[in-house]
Amino acid sequence: MHRIRKKIVKDEAQRPIAVQIDYNDWLRIERSLNLEDEEDQTADLSRYEGVLSLTEDPLAYQSRVRNEWS
């Protein structure tokens, strides 16, 4: 397996908060996990069409609910 160079990012208290790796290493990891095209896939939501019966226009509802907070 390929050795991955990484940098551990720490906060002011020296606690690890993130890990940085080279982009090429990330691409290699994605390929090995078969994740590279996951972002491009779109879900077919047509099977949910008509499942909800709305009693109010969605934009009117959104406006009304937002006005409750002001």
PDB file of N, CA and C in Angstrom:
ATOM      1  N   MET A   1       0.845  -1.183   0.000  1.00  0.00           N
ATOM      2  CA  MET A   1       0.000   0.000   0.000  1.00  0.00           C
ATOM      3  C   MET A   1       0.885   1.238   0.000  1.00  0.00           C
ATOM      4  N   HIS A   2       0.395   2.275  -0.616  1.00  0.00           N
ATOM      5  CA  HIS A   2       1.115   3.538  -0.741  1.00  0.00           C
ATOM      6  C   HIS A   2       1.149   4.278   0.597  1.00  0.00           C
ATOM      7  N   ARG A   3       2.301   4.829   0.939  1.00  0.00           N
ATOM      8  CA  ARG A   3       2.424   5.605   2.172  1.00  0.00           C
ATOM      9  C   ARG A   3       1.830   6.991   1.935  1.00  0.00           C
ATOM     10  N   ILE A   4       0.964   7.423   2.822  1.00  0.00           N
ATOM     11  CA  ILE A   4       0.290   8.715   2.689  1.00  0.00           C
ATOM     12  C   ILE A   4       0.951   9.718   3.619  1.00  0.00           C
ATOM     13  N   ARG A   5       1.446  10.801   3.009  1.00  0.00           N
ATOM     14  CA  ARG A   5       2.024  11.874   3.818  1.00  0.00           C
ATOM     15  C   ARG A   5       0.884  12.714   4.351  1.00  0.00           C
ATOM     16  N   LYS A   6       0.922  12.979   5.635  1.00  0.00           N
ATOM     17  CA  LYS A   6      -0.167  13.735   6.241  1.00  0.00           C
ATOM     18  C   LYS A   6       0.386  14.776   7.200  1.00  0.00           C
ATOM     19  N   LYS A   7      -0.405  15.818   7.402  1.00  0.00           N
ATOM     20  CA  LYS A   7      -0.071  16.859   8.368  1.00  0.00           C
ATOM     21  C   LYS A   7      -1.246  16.948   9.336  1.00  0.00           C
ATOM     22  N   ILE A   8      -0.962  16.814  10.622  1.00  0.00           N
ATOM     23  CA  ILE A   8      -2.010  16.909  11.634  1.00  0.00           C
ATOM     24  C   ILE A   8      -2.104  18.360  12.083  1.00  0.00           C
ATOM     25  N   VAL A   9      -3.281  18.940  11.936  1.00  0.00           N
ATOM     26  CA  VAL A   9      -3.527  20.330  12.323  1.00  0.00           C
ATOM     27  C   VAL A   9      -4.053  20.329  13.749  1.00  0.00           C
ATOM     28  N   LYS A  10      -3.456  21.197  14.582  1.00  0.00           N
ATOM     29  CA  LYS A  10      -3.838  21.246  15.999  1.00  0.00           C
ATOM     30  C   LYS A  10      -4.358  22.632  16.359  1.00  0.00           C
ATOM     31  N   ASP A  11      -5.198  22.687  17.386  1.00  0.00           N
ATOM     32  CA  ASP A  11      -5.695  23.972  17.876  1.00  0.00           C
ATOM     33  C   ASP A  11      -4.697  24.575  18.865  1.00  0.00           C
ATOM     34  N   GLU A  12      -5.095  25.683  19.501  1.00  0.00           N
ATOM     35  CA  GLU A  12      -4.201  26.384  20.418  1.00  0.00           C
ATOM     36  C   GLU A  12      -3.769  25.514  21.594  1.00  0.00           C
ATOM     37  N   ALA A  13      -4.601  24.577  21.988  1.00  0.00           N
ATOM     38  CA  ALA A  13      -4.291  23.680  23.103  1.00  0.00           C
ATOM     39  C   ALA A  13      -3.552  22.424  22.633  1.00  0.00           C
ATOM     40  N   GLN A  14      -3.103  22.428  21.383  1.00  0.00           N
ATOM     41  CA  GLN A  14      -2.364  21.306  20.794  1.00  0.00           C
ATOM     42  C   GLN A  14      -3.193  20.029  20.677  1.00  0.00           C
ATOM     43  N   ARG A  15      -4.517  20.193  20.558  1.00  0.00           N
ATOM     44  CA  ARG A  15      -5.390  19.037  20.322  1.00  0.00           C
ATOM     45  C   ARG A  15      -5.564  18.876  18.815  1.00  0.00           C
ATOM     46  N   PRO A  16      -5.460  17.663  18.310  1.00  0.00           N
ATOM     47  CA  PRO A  16      -5.650  17.463  16.870  1.00  0.00           C
ATOM     48  C   PRO A  16      -7.086  17.780  16.464  1.00  0.00           C
ATOM     49  N   ILE A  17      -7.218  18.572  15.381  1.00  0.00           N
ATOM     50  CA  ILE A  17      -8.558  18.934  14.910  1.00  0.00           C
ATOM     51  C   ILE A  17      -8.791  18.568  13.445  1.00  0.00           C
ATOM     52  N   ALA A  18      -7.718  18.310  12.695  1.00  0.00           N
ATOM     53  CA  ALA A  18      -7.881  17.982  11.278  1.00  0.00           C
ATOM     54  C   ALA A  18      -6.623  17.288  10.774  1.00  0.00           C
ATOM     55  N   VAL A  19      -6.766  16.650   9.622  1.00  0.00           N
ATOM     56  CA  VAL A  19      -5.625  16.029   8.956  1.00  0.00           C
ATOM     57  C   VAL A  19      -5.614  16.515   7.523  1.00  0.00           C
ATOM     58  N   GLN A  20      -4.468  16.996   7.071  1.00  0.00           N
ATOM     59  CA  GLN A  20      -4.312  17.425   5.687  1.00  0.00           C
ATOM     60  C   GLN A  20      -3.475  16.395   4.952  1.00  0.00           C
ATOM     61  N   ILE A  21      -3.913  16.048   3.739  1.00  0.00           N
ATOM     62  CA  ILE A  21      -3.144  15.137   2.898  1.00  0.00           C
ATOM     63  C   ILE A  21      -3.053  15.748   1.511  1.00  0.00           C
ATOM     64  N   ASP A  22      -2.083  15.285   0.736  1.00  0.00           N
ATOM     65  CA  ASP A  22      -1.944  15.750  -0.638  1.00  0.00           C
ATOM     66  C   ASP A  22      -3.170  15.333  -1.447  1.00  0.00           C
ATOM     67  N   TYR A  23      -3.525  16.168  -2.415  1.00  0.00           N
ATOM     68  CA  TYR A  23      -4.699  15.894  -3.233  1.00  0.00           C
ATOM     69  C   TYR A  23      -4.541  14.582  -4.011  1.00  0.00           C
ATOM     70  N   ASN A  24      -3.339  14.319  -4.510  1.00  0.00           N
ATOM     71  CA  ASN A  24      -3.118  13.064  -5.246  1.00  0.00           C
ATOM     72  C   ASN A  24      -3.340  11.852  -4.352  1.00  0.00           C
ATOM     73  N   ASP A  25      -2.935  11.962  -3.090  1.00  0.00           N
ATOM     74  CA  ASP A  25      -3.201  10.872  -2.144  1.00  0.00           C
ATOM     75  C   ASP A  25      -4.702  10.704  -1.940  1.00  0.00           C
ATOM     76  N   TRP A  26      -5.425  11.824  -1.855  1.00  0.00           N
ATOM     77  CA  TRP A  26      -6.878  11.762  -1.692  1.00  0.00           C
ATOM     78  C   TRP A  26      -7.529  11.063  -2.886  1.00  0.00           C
ATOM     79  N   LEU A  27      -7.080  11.402  -4.090  1.00  0.00           N
ATOM     80  CA  LEU A  27      -7.634  10.759  -5.284  1.00  0.00           C
ATOM     81  C   LEU A  27      -7.369   9.259  -5.265  1.00  0.00           C
ATOM     82  N   ARG A  28      -6.187   8.866  -4.817  1.00  0.00           N
ATOM     83  CA  ARG A  28      -5.848   7.448  -4.728  1.00  0.00           C
ATOM     84  C   ARG A  28      -6.760   6.743  -3.719  1.00  0.00           C
ATOM     85  N   ILE A  29      -7.038   7.401  -2.596  1.00  0.00           N
ATOM     86  CA  ILE A  29      -7.940   6.830  -1.586  1.00  0.00           C
ATOM     87  C   ILE A  29      -9.348   6.692  -2.154  1.00  0.00           C
ATOM     88  N   GLU A  30      -9.818   7.731  -2.848  1.00  0.00           N
ATOM     89  CA  GLU A  30     -11.153   7.660  -3.461  1.00  0.00           C
ATOM     90  C   GLU A  30     -11.252   6.493  -4.431  1.00  0.00           C
ATOM     91  N   ARG A  31     -10.228   6.336  -5.260  1.00  0.00           N
ATOM     92  CA  ARG A  31     -10.250   5.228  -6.225  1.00  0.00           C
ATOM     93  C   ARG A  31     -10.308   3.887  -5.508  1.00  0.00           C
ATOM     94  N   SER A  32      -9.533   3.738  -4.440  1.00  0.00           N
ATOM     95  CA  SER A  32      -9.519   2.453  -3.741  1.00  0.00           C
ATOM     96  C   SER A  32     -10.839   2.179  -3.024  1.00  0.00           C
ATOM     97  N   LEU A  33     -11.556   3.241  -2.656  1.00  0.00           N
ATOM     98  CA  LEU A  33     -12.849   3.074  -1.990  1.00  0.00           C
ATOM     99  C   LEU A  33     -14.028   3.178  -2.953  1.00  0.00           C
ATOM    100  N   ASN A  34     -13.741   3.380  -4.232  1.00  0.00           N
ATOM    101  CA  ASN A  34     -14.773   3.556  -5.258  1.00  0.00           C
ATOM    102  C   ASN A  34     -15.706   4.715  -4.932  1.00  0.00           C
ATOM    103  N   LEU A  35     -15.142   5.841  -4.510  1.00  0.00           N
ATOM    104  CA  LEU A  35     -15.945   7.009  -4.152  1.00  0.00           C
ATOM    105  C   LEU A  35     -15.894   8.119  -5.187  1.00  0.00           C
ATOM    106  N   GLU A  36     -15.098   8.000  -6.218  1.00  0.00           N
ATOM    107  CA  GLU A  36     -14.812   9.134  -7.065  1.00  0.00           C
ATOM    108  C   GLU A  36     -16.020   9.716  -7.794  1.00  0.00           C
ATOM    109  N   ASP A  37     -17.017   8.942  -8.148  1.00  0.00           N
ATOM    110  CA  ASP A  37     -18.149   9.473  -8.902  1.00  0.00           C
ATOM    111  C   ASP A  37     -19.396   9.655  -8.055  1.00  0.00           C
ATOM    112  N   GLU A  38     -19.297   9.511  -6.759  1.00  0.00           N
ATOM    113  CA  GLU A  38     -20.469   9.581  -5.895  1.00  0.00           C
ATOM    114  C   GLU A  38     -21.138  10.951  -5.946  1.00  0.00           C
ATOM    115  N   GLU A  39     -20.351  12.024  -6.073  1.00  0.00           N
ATOM    116  CA  GLU A  39     -20.920  13.369  -6.115  1.00  0.00           C
ATOM    117  C   GLU A  39     -21.746  13.596  -7.372  1.00  0.00           C
ATOM    118  N   ASP A  40     -21.361  12.956  -8.469  1.00  0.00           N
ATOM    119  CA  ASP A  40     -22.022  13.188  -9.745  1.00  0.00           C
ATOM    120  C   ASP A  40     -23.348  12.452  -9.872  1.00  0.00           C
ATOM    121  N   GLN A  41     -23.597  11.485  -9.014  1.00  0.00           N
ATOM    122  CA  GLN A  41     -24.829  10.720  -9.107  1.00  0.00           C
ATOM    123  C   GLN A  41     -25.995  11.546  -8.571  1.00  0.00           C
ATOM    124  N   THR A  42     -27.094  11.527  -9.289  1.00  0.00           N
ATOM    125  CA  THR A  42     -28.285  12.224  -8.826  1.00  0.00           C
ATOM    126  C   THR A  42     -29.366  11.197  -8.532  1.00  0.00           C
ATOM    127  N   ALA A  43     -30.118  11.458  -7.505  1.00  0.00           N
ATOM    128  CA  ALA A  43     -31.184  10.542  -7.117  1.00  0.00           C
ATOM    129  C   ALA A  43     -32.429  10.821  -7.950  1.00  0.00           C
ATOM    130  N   ASP A  44     -33.126   9.771  -8.337  1.00  0.00           N
ATOM    131  CA  ASP A  44     -34.376   9.915  -9.074  1.00  0.00           C
ATOM    132  C   ASP A  44     -35.503  10.086  -8.058  1.00  0.00           C
ATOM    133  N   LEU A  45     -35.983  11.305  -7.928  1.00  0.00           N
ATOM    134  CA  LEU A  45     -37.014  11.613  -6.942  1.00  0.00           C
ATOM    135  C   LEU A  45     -38.424  11.526  -7.507  1.00  0.00           C
ATOM    136  N   SER A  46     -38.567  11.125  -8.763  1.00  0.00           N
ATOM    137  CA  SER A  46     -39.883  11.093  -9.391  1.00  0.00           C
ATOM    138  C   SER A  46     -40.833  10.113  -8.701  1.00  0.00           C
ATOM    139  N   ARG A  47     -40.291   9.106  -8.039  1.00  0.00           N
ATOM    140  CA  ARG A  47     -41.182   8.152  -7.363  1.00  0.00           C
ATOM    141  C   ARG A  47     -41.884   8.775  -6.164  1.00  0.00           C
ATOM    142  N   TYR A  48     -41.394   9.910  -5.695  1.00  0.00           N
ATOM    143  CA  TYR A  48     -42.023  10.593  -4.565  1.00  0.00           C
ATOM    144  C   TYR A  48     -43.016  11.667  -5.009  1.00  0.00           C
ATOM    145  N   GLU A  49     -43.118  11.883  -6.302  1.00  0.00           N
ATOM    146  CA  GLU A  49     -44.008  12.913  -6.826  1.00  0.00           C
ATOM    147  C   GLU A  49     -45.456  12.603  -6.450  1.00  0.00           C
ATOM    148  N   GLY A  50     -46.126  13.584  -5.864  1.00  0.00           N
ATOM    149  CA  GLY A  50     -47.519  13.441  -5.498  1.00  0.00           C
ATOM    150  C   GLY A  50     -47.762  12.730  -4.180  1.00  0.00           C
ATOM    151  N   VAL A  51     -46.726  12.363  -3.458  1.00  0.00           N
ATOM    152  CA  VAL A  51     -46.893  11.655  -2.185  1.00  0.00           C
ATOM    153  C   VAL A  51     -47.472  12.587  -1.131  1.00  0.00           C
ATOM    154  N   LEU A  52     -47.001  13.820  -1.106  1.00  0.00           N
ATOM    155  CA  LEU A  52     -47.516  14.802  -0.152  1.00  0.00           C
ATOM    156  C   LEU A  52     -48.627  15.610  -0.798  1.00  0.00           C
ATOM    157  N   SER A  53     -49.684  15.831  -0.066  1.00  0.00           N
ATOM    158  CA  SER A  53     -50.716  16.730  -0.568  1.00  0.00           C
ATOM    159  C   SER A  53     -50.618  18.017   0.252  1.00  0.00           C
ATOM    160  N   LEU A  54     -50.245  19.084  -0.418  1.00  0.00           N
ATOM    161  CA  LEU A  54     -50.011  20.360   0.248  1.00  0.00           C
ATOM    162  C   LEU A  54     -51.308  21.135   0.399  1.00  0.00           C
ATOM    163  N   THR A  55     -51.468  21.763   1.550  1.00  0.00           N
ATOM    164  CA  THR A  55     -52.659  22.575   1.797  1.00  0.00           C
ATOM    165  C   THR A  55     -52.365  24.056   1.629  1.00  0.00           C
ATOM    166  N   GLU A  56     -51.096  24.386   1.379  1.00  0.00           N
ATOM    167  CA  GLU A  56     -50.693  25.783   1.258  1.00  0.00           C
ATOM    168  C   GLU A  56     -49.526  25.857   0.275  1.00  0.00           C
ATOM    169  N   ASP A  57     -49.444  26.958  -0.442  1.00  0.00           N
ATOM    170  CA  ASP A  57     -48.333  27.175  -1.358  1.00  0.00           C
ATOM    171  C   ASP A  57     -47.022  27.166  -0.560  1.00  0.00           C
ATOM    172  N   PRO A  58     -46.017  26.414  -0.998  1.00  0.00           N
ATOM    173  CA  PRO A  58     -44.770  26.322  -0.238  1.00  0.00           C
ATOM    174  C   PRO A  58     -44.101  27.669   0.026  1.00  0.00           C
ATOM    175  N   LEU A  59     -44.102  28.573  -0.937  1.00  0.00           N
ATOM    176  CA  LEU A  59     -43.481  29.884  -0.724  1.00  0.00           C
ATOM    177  C   LEU A  59     -44.276  30.726   0.261  1.00  0.00           C
ATOM    178  N   ALA A  60     -45.595  30.611   0.225  1.00  0.00           N
ATOM    179  CA  ALA A  60     -46.427  31.335   1.189  1.00  0.00           C
ATOM    180  C   ALA A  60     -46.181  30.791   2.592  1.00  0.00           C
ATOM    181  N   TYR A  61     -46.056  29.480   2.713  1.00  0.00           N
ATOM    182  CA  TYR A  61     -45.763  28.861   4.010  1.00  0.00           C
ATOM    183  C   TYR A  61     -44.418  29.344   4.543  1.00  0.00           C
ATOM    184  N   GLN A  62     -43.414  29.340   3.680  1.00  0.00           N
ATOM    185  CA  GLN A  62     -42.077  29.772   4.082  1.00  0.00           C
ATOM    186  C   GLN A  62     -42.101  31.217   4.560  1.00  0.00           C
ATOM    187  N   SER A  63     -42.775  32.069   3.826  1.00  0.00           N
ATOM    188  CA  SER A  63     -42.878  33.480   4.211  1.00  0.00           C
ATOM    189  C   SER A  63     -43.599  33.634   5.546  1.00  0.00           C
ATOM    190  N   ARG A  64     -44.694  32.911   5.719  1.00  0.00           N
ATOM    191  CA  ARG A  64     -45.462  32.994   6.963  1.00  0.00           C
ATOM    192  C   ARG A  64     -44.638  32.536   8.162  1.00  0.00           C
ATOM    193  N   VAL A  65     -43.941  31.429   8.015  1.00  0.00           N
ATOM    194  CA  VAL A  65     -43.145  30.896   9.123  1.00  0.00           C
ATOM    195  C   VAL A  65     -41.983  31.822   9.451  1.00  0.00           C
ATOM    196  N   ARG A  66     -41.357  32.387   8.437  1.00  0.00           N
ATOM    197  CA  ARG A  66     -40.254  33.322   8.693  1.00  0.00           C
ATOM    198  C   ARG A  66     -40.752  34.567   9.420  1.00  0.00           C
ATOM    199  N   ASN A  67     -41.951  35.015   9.082  1.00  0.00           N
ATOM    200  CA  ASN A  67     -42.497  36.205   9.738  1.00  0.00           C
ATOM    201  C   ASN A  67     -42.830  35.944  11.204  1.00  0.00           C
ATOM    202  N   GLU A  68     -43.052  34.689  11.574  1.00  0.00           N
ATOM    203  CA  GLU A  68     -43.316  34.365  12.974  1.00  0.00           C
ATOM    204  C   GLU A  68     -42.109  34.656  13.852  1.00  0.00           C
ATOM    205  N   TRP A  69     -40.932  34.648  13.285  1.00  0.00           N
ATOM    206  CA  TRP A  69     -39.704  34.856  14.048  1.00  0.00           C
ATOM    207  C   TRP A  69     -39.300  36.321  14.119  1.00  0.00           C
ATOM    208  N   SER A  70     -39.975  37.181  13.398  1.00  0.00           N
ATOM    209  CA  SER A  70     -39.565  38.598  13.424  1.00  0.00           C
ATOM    210  C   SER A  70     -40.529  39.458  14.205  1.00  0.00           C
TER     211      SER A  70
END
